[in-house]
Amino acid sequence: MSPWVEGVSDAVGFIGGALAGFWLGQALGLDLFAEGYGGASIGAIVLVGLGGGLGLHGARAWQRAQKGSRDE
């Protein structure tokens, strides 16, 4: 797989996961951009971080699956 495809898939996975975490936080009433660092703001930051990490993990799993299917 070319470095270009790997980089784009990493970016799409990370941004997609971070957006999913942001939207989940919004649905739960957590405001990422609230003034200060209250509990709701910290919770939203954690969800965005976890979402980005999980999205990147999913992108890497997809990359491994693509490499595996090419070897067969």
Protein backbone atom coordinates (compact mmCIF):
# COMPACT_ATOMS: atom_id res chain seq x y z
CA MET A 1 0.00 0.00 0.00
CA SER A 2 1.36 3.39 -0.89
CA PRO A 3 2.28 5.88 1.84
CA TRP A 4 -0.28 8.26 0.36
CA VAL A 5 -3.16 5.80 0.88
CA GLU A 6 -1.92 4.94 4.38
CA GLY A 7 -1.72 8.62 5.34
CA VAL A 8 -5.14 9.49 3.96
CA SER A 9 -6.79 6.49 5.59
CA ASP A 10 -5.14 7.36 8.93
CA ALA A 11 -6.41 10.94 8.65
CA VAL A 12 -9.93 9.88 7.67
CA GLY A 13 -10.08 7.38 10.52
CA PHE A 14 -8.81 9.85 13.10
CA ILE A 15 -11.00 12.77 12.00
CA GLY A 16 -14.04 10.53 11.60
CA GLY A 17 -13.57 9.06 15.05
CA ALA A 18 -12.97 12.46 16.63
CA LEU A 19 -16.14 13.81 15.02
CA ALA A 20 -18.09 10.79 16.25
CA GLY A 21 -16.79 11.47 19.77
CA PHE A 22 -17.72 15.14 19.44
CA TRP A 23 -21.25 14.31 18.28
CA LEU A 24 -21.66 11.76 21.07
CA GLY A 25 -20.60 14.41 23.56
CA GLN A 26 -23.10 16.85 22.08
CA ALA A 27 -25.84 14.23 22.34
CA LEU A 28 -24.94 13.71 26.00
CA GLY A 29 -25.01 17.45 26.67
CA LEU A 30 -21.23 17.88 27.00
CA ASP A 31 -19.83 21.13 25.58
CA LEU A 32 -16.29 20.83 24.26
CA PHE A 33 -15.97 24.59 23.86
CA ALA A 34 -17.38 25.59 27.25
CA GLU A 35 -15.62 28.32 29.19
CA GLY A 36 -13.00 26.88 31.55
CA TYR A 37 -12.31 23.24 32.26
CA GLY A 38 -15.41 21.99 34.03
CA GLY A 39 -16.47 18.38 34.20
CA ALA A 40 -18.59 18.60 31.05
CA SER A 41 -15.75 20.13 29.06
CA ILE A 42 -13.24 17.51 30.26
CA GLY A 43 -15.71 14.73 29.44
CA ALA A 44 -16.14 16.09 25.92
CA ILE A 45 -12.36 16.32 25.45
CA VAL A 46 -12.00 12.69 26.58
CA LEU A 47 -14.71 11.54 24.14
CA VAL A 48 -13.05 13.35 21.23
CA GLY A 49 -9.68 11.84 22.13
CA LEU A 50 -11.07 8.34 22.50
CA GLY A 51 -13.02 8.67 19.27
CA GLY A 52 -9.94 9.82 17.37
CA GLY A 53 -7.87 6.97 18.77
CA LEU A 54 -10.51 4.38 17.96
CA GLY A 55 -10.94 5.80 14.46
CA LEU A 56 -7.19 5.58 13.86
CA HIS A 57 -7.18 2.03 15.22
CA GLY A 58 -9.98 1.14 12.80
CA ALA A 59 -8.08 2.69 9.89
CA ARG A 60 -4.97 0.68 10.76
CA ALA A 61 -7.07 -2.52 10.96
CA TRP A 62 -8.47 -1.72 7.52
CA GLN A 63 -4.92 -1.23 6.21
CA ARG A 64 -3.84 -4.61 7.61
CA ALA A 65 -6.87 -6.27 6.02
CA GLN A 66 -6.03 -4.70 2.66
CA LYS A 67 -2.44 -5.94 2.86
CA GLY A 68 -3.64 -9.42 3.85
CA SER A 69 -6.10 -9.68 0.98
CA ARG A 70 -3.38 -8.62 -1.47
CA ASP A 71 -1.07 -11.41 -0.27
CA GLU A 72 -3.59 -14.19 -0.95
